[in-house]
């Protein structure tokens, strides 16, 4: 079961597509975070969602908000994916220990070995303020994120 609004967001340390460690706590007191879990790079729905975020990036990555996208792919795959699609925001690898962060947020599908489409809006104090979890084939609505961010 996914963590809920009002819960403290579990901290994590994951490598981005450039091999740099990114921690949720790096943004505490500084920025709200849109934490987006997606199943796998290079798949149709995931590519569409991440490119839609790229095309609307000022709403999700600015002085007040940081976008972090997490999959269970290896960092090397994420780097190629980011370069191919022109994704300039952090793509974080929850590859090893496999799915540890996805499990902490309650969005890891044990049977399929990947994260569900979970999104968590986390405030500057590290508290989850909004969340939605979609099934693997179901794309998310970016307008819902924008409304949730505006409510912070």
Protein backbone atom coordinates (compact mmCIF):
# COMPACT_ATOMS: atom_id res chain seq x y z
CA UNK A 1 0.00 0.00 0.00
CA UNK A 2 1.35 3.41 -1.00
CA UNK A 3 2.20 5.97 1.62
CA UNK A 4 -0.55 8.58 2.06
CA UNK A 5 -0.91 12.32 2.25
CA UNK A 6 0.18 13.46 5.70
CA UNK A 7 2.91 10.79 5.99
CA UNK A 8 6.56 11.75 6.29
CA UNK A 9 8.25 10.93 2.98
CA UNK A 10 10.92 8.23 3.32
CA UNK A 11 14.37 9.60 2.57
CA UNK A 12 16.49 7.89 -0.08
CA UNK A 13 19.86 8.15 -1.80
CA UNK A 14 19.73 7.15 -5.48
CA UNK A 15 22.09 7.63 -8.41
CA UNK A 16 20.91 9.85 -11.25
CA UNK A 17 21.61 9.34 -14.94
CA UNK A 18 25.05 10.94 -14.47
CA UNK A 19 26.05 8.71 -11.55
CA UNK A 20 25.57 11.47 -8.94
CA UNK A 21 23.82 10.65 -5.66
CA UNK A 22 20.55 12.49 -5.10
CA UNK A 23 18.84 12.45 -1.70
CA UNK A 24 15.31 13.56 -0.99
CA UNK A 25 16.67 15.30 2.11
CA UNK A 26 18.84 17.50 -0.17
CA UNK A 27 15.69 19.52 -0.91
CA UNK A 28 14.30 19.75 2.64
CA UNK A 29 13.67 23.36 3.59
CA UNK A 30 14.49 24.45 0.05
CA UNK A 31 12.00 23.06 -2.47
CA UNK A 32 8.78 21.10 -2.77
CA UNK A 33 9.38 17.83 -4.63
CA UNK A 34 7.35 16.06 -7.29
CA UNK A 35 8.49 12.45 -6.87
CA UNK A 36 7.37 10.37 -9.82
CA UNK A 37 7.81 6.60 -10.05
CA UNK A 38 7.52 4.96 -13.47
CA UNK A 39 7.99 1.33 -14.57
CA UNK A 40 10.72 1.39 -17.23
CA UNK A 41 12.56 3.71 -19.59
CA UNK A 42 12.00 3.29 -23.33
CA UNK A 43 8.40 2.06 -22.98
CA UNK A 44 5.54 3.85 -24.72
CA UNK A 45 3.50 5.22 -21.82
CA UNK A 46 6.58 6.08 -19.73
CA UNK A 47 8.25 7.90 -22.62
CA UNK A 48 5.04 9.85 -23.28
CA UNK A 49 4.68 10.86 -19.63
CA UNK A 50 8.32 11.89 -19.17
CA UNK A 51 8.35 13.85 -22.43
CA UNK A 52 5.14 15.65 -21.39
CA UNK A 53 6.94 16.66 -18.19
CA UNK A 54 9.91 17.81 -20.29
CA UNK A 55 7.56 19.92 -22.42
CA UNK A 56 6.01 21.52 -19.29
CA UNK A 57 9.19 21.60 -17.21
CA UNK A 58 8.85 25.16 -15.82
CA UNK A 59 5.79 23.97 -13.86
CA UNK A 60 7.74 21.09 -12.28
CA UNK A 61 11.33 22.31 -11.97
CA UNK A 62 11.80 25.88 -10.80
CA UNK A 63 12.94 27.92 -7.78
CA UNK A 64 10.20 26.34 -5.64
CA UNK A 65 9.78 22.82 -7.08
CA UNK A 66 12.12 19.92 -7.95
CA UNK A 67 11.03 17.06 -10.21
CA UNK A 68 12.57 13.64 -9.49
CA UNK A 69 11.64 10.67 -11.69
CA UNK A 70 12.46 7.16 -10.37
CA UNK A 71 12.52 3.83 -12.21
CA UNK A 72 14.06 0.44 -11.58
CA UNK A 73 16.37 0.78 -14.59
CA UNK A 74 20.16 0.91 -14.26
CA UNK A 75 21.73 4.41 -14.31
CA UNK A 76 23.42 3.65 -17.64
CA UNK A 77 20.07 2.96 -19.30
CA UNK A 78 18.64 6.13 -17.81
CA UNK A 79 21.49 8.19 -19.23
CA UNK A 80 20.87 6.92 -22.77
CA UNK A 81 17.12 7.41 -22.31
CA UNK A 82 17.59 10.99 -21.04
CA UNK A 83 19.92 11.85 -23.93
CA UNK A 84 17.63 10.28 -26.52
CA UNK A 85 14.53 12.11 -25.25
CA UNK A 86 16.16 15.39 -24.17
CA UNK A 87 15.23 14.90 -20.50
CA UNK A 88 17.21 17.36 -18.41
CA UNK A 89 15.69 16.67 -15.00
CA UNK A 90 17.01 13.93 -12.68
CA UNK A 91 16.16 10.35 -13.61
CA UNK A 92 16.94 8.27 -10.53
CA UNK A 93 17.83 4.58 -10.53
CA UNK A 94 16.16 2.31 -7.97
CA UNK A 95 18.02 -0.59 -9.55
CA UNK A 96 20.04 -1.89 -6.60
CA UNK A 97 19.07 -2.90 -4.06
CA UNK A 98 16.34 -3.57 -6.58
CA UNK A 99 13.19 -1.59 -5.81
CA UNK A 100 14.19 -0.54 -2.28
CA UNK A 101 12.88 3.02 -2.63
CA UNK A 102 9.82 1.92 -4.62
CA UNK A 103 8.99 -0.49 -1.80
CA UNK A 104 9.45 2.25 0.83
CA UNK A 105 6.79 4.29 -1.00
CA UNK A 106 4.53 1.25 -1.47
CA UNK A 107 4.60 1.29 -5.27
CA UNK A 108 6.78 -1.72 -6.15
CA UNK A 109 5.04 -4.50 -8.07
CA UNK A 110 6.77 -7.65 -6.77
CA UNK A 111 5.37 -9.82 -9.54
CA UNK A 112 6.53 -7.59 -12.41
CA UNK A 113 9.72 -6.34 -10.70
CA UNK A 114 9.04 -2.67 -11.35
CA UNK A 115 7.44 0.41 -9.86
CA UNK A 116 3.81 1.32 -10.47
CA UNK A 117 2.98 4.82 -11.71
CA UNK A 118 3.06 6.51 -8.31
CA UNK A 119 3.34 10.26 -7.84
CA UNK A 120 4.00 12.01 -4.54
CA UNK A 121 4.01 15.76 -3.96
CA UNK A 122 6.27 16.39 -0.96
CA UNK A 123 6.44 19.75 0.78
CA UNK A 124 9.58 21.54 1.95
CA UNK A 125 9.30 19.90 5.37
CA UNK A 126 9.36 16.41 3.86
CA UNK A 127 5.65 15.62 4.30
CA UNK A 128 3.61 14.01 1.53
CA UNK A 129 0.81 16.44 0.63
CA UNK A 130 -0.73 14.70 -2.39
CA UNK A 131 -0.44 11.30 -4.01
CA UNK A 132 -1.85 9.18 -6.79
CA UNK A 133 -1.00 5.67 -7.94
CA UNK A 134 -2.02 4.49 -11.39
CA UNK A 135 -1.77 0.99 -12.82
CA UNK A 136 1.03 0.12 -15.22
CA UNK A 137 -0.88 0.87 -18.45
CA UNK A 138 -2.57 4.06 -17.17
CA UNK A 139 -0.91 7.40 -17.93
CA UNK A 140 -1.20 10.21 -15.39
CA UNK A 141 -2.79 13.64 -15.84
CA UNK A 142 -0.17 16.40 -15.45
CA UNK A 143 -2.89 18.95 -14.70
CA UNK A 144 -3.54 17.13 -11.42
CA UNK A 145 0.09 17.73 -10.40
CA UNK A 146 -0.17 21.41 -11.23
CA UNK A 147 -3.31 21.78 -9.10
CA UNK A 148 -1.69 19.93 -6.19
CA UNK A 149 1.42 22.12 -6.36
CA UNK A 150 -0.69 25.28 -6.46
CA UNK A 151 -2.41 24.15 -3.24
CA UNK A 152 0.88 24.07 -1.28
